[in-house]
N, C-alpha and C. Protein backbone atom coordinates (compact mmCIF):
# COMPACT_ATOMS: atom_id res chain seq x y z
N MET A 1 -39.43 2.21 13.13
CA MET A 1 -39.14 2.45 14.55
C MET A 1 -37.79 1.87 14.90
N ALA A 2 -36.99 2.62 15.64
CA ALA A 2 -35.68 2.14 16.07
C ALA A 2 -35.83 1.04 17.11
N GLY A 3 -34.97 0.05 17.03
CA GLY A 3 -34.94 -1.03 17.99
C GLY A 3 -33.97 -0.73 19.11
N ILE A 4 -34.44 -0.89 20.35
CA ILE A 4 -33.59 -0.63 21.52
C ILE A 4 -33.37 -1.92 22.25
N ARG A 5 -32.10 -2.21 22.56
CA ARG A 5 -31.75 -3.41 23.33
C ARG A 5 -31.11 -2.99 24.64
N PHE A 6 -31.65 -3.52 25.72
CA PHE A 6 -31.15 -3.22 27.05
C PHE A 6 -30.33 -4.40 27.57
N PHE A 7 -29.22 -4.09 28.27
CA PHE A 7 -28.36 -5.11 28.79
C PHE A 7 -28.17 -4.94 30.30
N ALA A 8 -27.96 -6.05 31.00
CA ALA A 8 -27.60 -6.09 32.42
C ALA A 8 -28.56 -5.22 33.26
N ALA A 9 -28.04 -4.28 34.06
CA ALA A 9 -28.85 -3.48 34.95
C ALA A 9 -29.87 -2.63 34.21
N ALA A 10 -29.57 -2.21 33.00
CA ALA A 10 -30.54 -1.43 32.23
C ALA A 10 -31.75 -2.27 31.88
N ALA A 11 -31.53 -3.53 31.52
CA ALA A 11 -32.66 -4.42 31.22
C ALA A 11 -33.47 -4.67 32.48
N GLU A 12 -32.81 -4.85 33.58
CA GLU A 12 -33.53 -5.09 34.84
C GLU A 12 -34.37 -3.89 35.22
N ALA A 13 -33.82 -2.69 35.11
CA ALA A 13 -34.55 -1.48 35.48
C ALA A 13 -35.69 -1.19 34.52
N ALA A 14 -35.52 -1.54 33.22
CA ALA A 14 -36.57 -1.32 32.22
C ALA A 14 -37.62 -2.39 32.28
N GLY A 15 -37.28 -3.54 32.84
CA GLY A 15 -38.23 -4.64 32.91
C GLY A 15 -38.40 -5.37 31.60
N THR A 16 -37.46 -5.16 30.69
CA THR A 16 -37.49 -5.80 29.39
C THR A 16 -36.10 -5.78 28.78
N GLU A 17 -35.86 -6.65 27.81
CA GLU A 17 -34.56 -6.67 27.14
C GLU A 17 -34.60 -5.90 25.83
N SER A 18 -35.79 -5.54 25.35
CA SER A 18 -35.87 -4.80 24.08
C SER A 18 -37.19 -4.07 23.95
N THR A 19 -37.20 -3.07 23.11
CA THR A 19 -38.40 -2.32 22.77
C THR A 19 -38.15 -1.62 21.47
N THR A 20 -39.16 -0.98 20.93
CA THR A 20 -39.01 -0.13 19.74
C THR A 20 -39.53 1.27 20.09
N VAL A 21 -38.96 2.26 19.47
CA VAL A 21 -39.36 3.64 19.71
C VAL A 21 -39.35 4.41 18.41
N ASP A 22 -40.09 5.51 18.38
CA ASP A 22 -40.12 6.39 17.24
C ASP A 22 -39.65 7.76 17.73
N VAL A 23 -38.35 7.97 17.67
CA VAL A 23 -37.73 9.24 18.07
C VAL A 23 -36.72 9.64 17.01
N SER A 24 -36.32 10.91 17.06
CA SER A 24 -35.43 11.40 16.00
C SER A 24 -33.98 11.61 16.42
N SER A 25 -33.71 11.52 17.75
CA SER A 25 -32.34 11.72 18.22
C SER A 25 -32.08 10.94 19.50
N VAL A 26 -30.82 10.85 19.84
CA VAL A 26 -30.41 10.18 21.09
C VAL A 26 -31.00 10.92 22.28
N GLY A 27 -31.00 12.25 22.23
CA GLY A 27 -31.59 13.04 23.34
C GLY A 27 -33.07 12.74 23.51
N ASP A 28 -33.79 12.64 22.40
CA ASP A 28 -35.21 12.30 22.47
C ASP A 28 -35.39 10.89 23.03
N LEU A 29 -34.49 9.99 22.67
CA LEU A 29 -34.54 8.61 23.19
C LEU A 29 -34.37 8.62 24.69
N ARG A 30 -33.35 9.34 25.18
CA ARG A 30 -33.13 9.39 26.65
C ARG A 30 -34.36 9.91 27.35
N ALA A 31 -34.97 10.96 26.83
CA ALA A 31 -36.16 11.55 27.45
C ALA A 31 -37.33 10.56 27.45
N LEU A 32 -37.57 9.90 26.35
CA LEU A 32 -38.66 8.95 26.25
C LEU A 32 -38.47 7.77 27.19
N LEU A 33 -37.26 7.22 27.22
CA LEU A 33 -37.00 6.06 28.08
C LEU A 33 -37.14 6.44 29.54
N THR A 34 -36.72 7.63 29.91
CA THR A 34 -36.88 8.10 31.30
C THR A 34 -38.33 8.23 31.65
N GLU A 35 -39.11 8.78 30.72
CA GLU A 35 -40.55 8.94 30.96
C GLU A 35 -41.23 7.57 31.10
N ARG A 36 -40.85 6.62 30.27
CA ARG A 36 -41.46 5.28 30.29
C ARG A 36 -41.09 4.48 31.52
N HIS A 37 -39.81 4.53 31.92
CA HIS A 37 -39.29 3.59 32.90
C HIS A 37 -38.98 4.20 34.26
N GLY A 38 -39.04 5.48 34.42
CA GLY A 38 -38.94 6.09 35.73
C GLY A 38 -37.56 6.49 36.23
N VAL A 39 -37.57 6.94 37.47
CA VAL A 39 -36.39 7.54 38.10
C VAL A 39 -35.22 6.55 38.24
N GLU A 40 -35.51 5.33 38.68
CA GLU A 40 -34.43 4.36 38.85
C GLU A 40 -33.77 4.04 37.52
N PHE A 41 -34.58 3.90 36.47
CA PHE A 41 -34.00 3.66 35.16
C PHE A 41 -33.15 4.86 34.73
N ALA A 42 -33.65 6.08 34.96
CA ALA A 42 -32.92 7.29 34.57
C ALA A 42 -31.55 7.33 35.26
N ARG A 43 -31.50 6.91 36.52
CA ARG A 43 -30.23 6.87 37.26
C ARG A 43 -29.24 5.93 36.57
N ILE A 44 -29.71 4.78 36.16
CA ILE A 44 -28.86 3.80 35.48
C ILE A 44 -28.50 4.34 34.08
N LEU A 45 -29.48 4.86 33.37
CA LEU A 45 -29.24 5.37 32.01
C LEU A 45 -28.15 6.44 31.99
N SER A 46 -28.08 7.24 33.05
CA SER A 46 -27.07 8.31 33.10
C SER A 46 -25.63 7.75 33.10
N ARG A 47 -25.46 6.51 33.46
CA ARG A 47 -24.16 5.87 33.49
C ARG A 47 -23.88 4.97 32.27
N CYS A 48 -24.90 4.80 31.45
CA CYS A 48 -24.80 3.86 30.33
C CYS A 48 -24.12 4.49 29.11
N SER A 49 -23.52 3.62 28.31
CA SER A 49 -23.10 3.98 26.96
C SER A 49 -24.22 3.58 26.00
N LEU A 50 -24.43 4.41 25.01
CA LEU A 50 -25.39 4.09 23.97
C LEU A 50 -24.63 3.85 22.68
N LEU A 51 -24.89 2.72 22.07
CA LEU A 51 -24.28 2.37 20.79
C LEU A 51 -25.37 2.39 19.72
N VAL A 52 -25.18 3.20 18.71
CA VAL A 52 -26.14 3.25 17.58
C VAL A 52 -25.50 2.48 16.44
N ASN A 53 -26.07 1.35 16.13
CA ASN A 53 -25.55 0.47 15.06
C ASN A 53 -24.07 0.12 15.32
N GLY A 54 -23.75 -0.07 16.61
CA GLY A 54 -22.40 -0.47 17.00
C GLY A 54 -21.41 0.64 17.21
N THR A 55 -21.81 1.89 17.02
CA THR A 55 -20.93 3.04 17.21
C THR A 55 -21.39 3.87 18.39
N ARG A 56 -20.48 4.20 19.30
CA ARG A 56 -20.82 4.94 20.49
C ARG A 56 -21.41 6.29 20.11
N ALA A 57 -22.54 6.65 20.74
CA ALA A 57 -23.24 7.90 20.51
C ALA A 57 -23.19 8.72 21.81
N ALA A 58 -22.18 9.57 21.93
CA ALA A 58 -21.98 10.33 23.16
C ALA A 58 -22.76 11.64 23.15
N ASP A 59 -23.22 12.08 21.99
CA ASP A 59 -23.88 13.37 21.84
C ASP A 59 -25.38 13.13 21.66
N ASP A 60 -26.19 13.89 22.45
CA ASP A 60 -27.64 13.75 22.35
C ASP A 60 -28.19 14.18 21.00
N ALA A 61 -27.41 14.92 20.20
CA ALA A 61 -27.85 15.36 18.89
C ALA A 61 -27.74 14.30 17.81
N VAL A 62 -27.12 13.14 18.13
CA VAL A 62 -26.99 12.06 17.14
C VAL A 62 -28.39 11.69 16.64
N PRO A 63 -28.60 11.72 15.33
CA PRO A 63 -29.91 11.39 14.80
C PRO A 63 -30.17 9.89 14.84
N LEU A 64 -31.45 9.53 14.96
CA LEU A 64 -31.86 8.12 14.92
C LEU A 64 -32.87 7.95 13.78
N ALA A 65 -32.74 6.86 13.07
CA ALA A 65 -33.67 6.50 12.01
C ALA A 65 -34.43 5.24 12.41
N GLY A 66 -35.49 4.97 11.69
CA GLY A 66 -36.32 3.81 11.99
C GLY A 66 -35.62 2.48 11.83
N THR A 67 -34.52 2.45 11.11
CA THR A 67 -33.81 1.21 10.87
C THR A 67 -32.65 1.01 11.84
N ASP A 68 -32.41 1.97 12.76
CA ASP A 68 -31.28 1.90 13.68
C ASP A 68 -31.56 0.93 14.82
N THR A 69 -30.46 0.39 15.35
CA THR A 69 -30.49 -0.40 16.58
C THR A 69 -29.63 0.32 17.60
N VAL A 70 -30.21 0.53 18.80
CA VAL A 70 -29.48 1.20 19.87
C VAL A 70 -29.29 0.18 21.01
N ASP A 71 -28.05 0.02 21.42
CA ASP A 71 -27.74 -0.83 22.58
C ASP A 71 -27.51 0.07 23.78
N VAL A 72 -28.18 -0.24 24.90
CA VAL A 72 -28.02 0.51 26.15
C VAL A 72 -27.17 -0.37 27.08
N LEU A 73 -25.90 0.06 27.25
CA LEU A 73 -24.91 -0.75 27.96
C LEU A 73 -24.45 -0.07 29.24
N PRO A 74 -24.79 -0.63 30.39
CA PRO A 74 -24.26 -0.12 31.66
C PRO A 74 -22.76 -0.45 31.73
N PRO A 75 -22.05 0.23 32.63
CA PRO A 75 -20.62 -0.11 32.82
C PRO A 75 -20.52 -1.55 33.30
N PHE A 76 -19.54 -2.24 32.80
CA PHE A 76 -19.29 -3.61 33.19
C PHE A 76 -18.03 -3.68 34.05
N ALA A 77 -18.06 -4.47 35.07
CA ALA A 77 -16.87 -4.71 35.88
C ALA A 77 -16.27 -6.04 35.48
N GLY A 78 -15.00 -6.14 35.56
CA GLY A 78 -14.36 -7.38 35.18
C GLY A 78 -13.08 -7.56 35.96
N GLY A 79 -12.49 -8.74 35.78
CA GLY A 79 -11.28 -8.93 36.55
C GLY A 79 -10.34 -9.88 35.87
């Protein structure tokens, strides 16, 4: 099962900092997380970057394996 790590607002909306999932692609991951965590999480997820093993995954067709780690990163503000 792929490990998912949530950061900042994504963690707050999910109510957890991590979970595991059994999905085959980034698109499937987005759908599953939206189903699990609801509309508010989906709103935040739509603005997040997803990193699969440290590499940005912008395409929903990116495959996921059971050994992958996905980081869900909302936009960060800084100064």
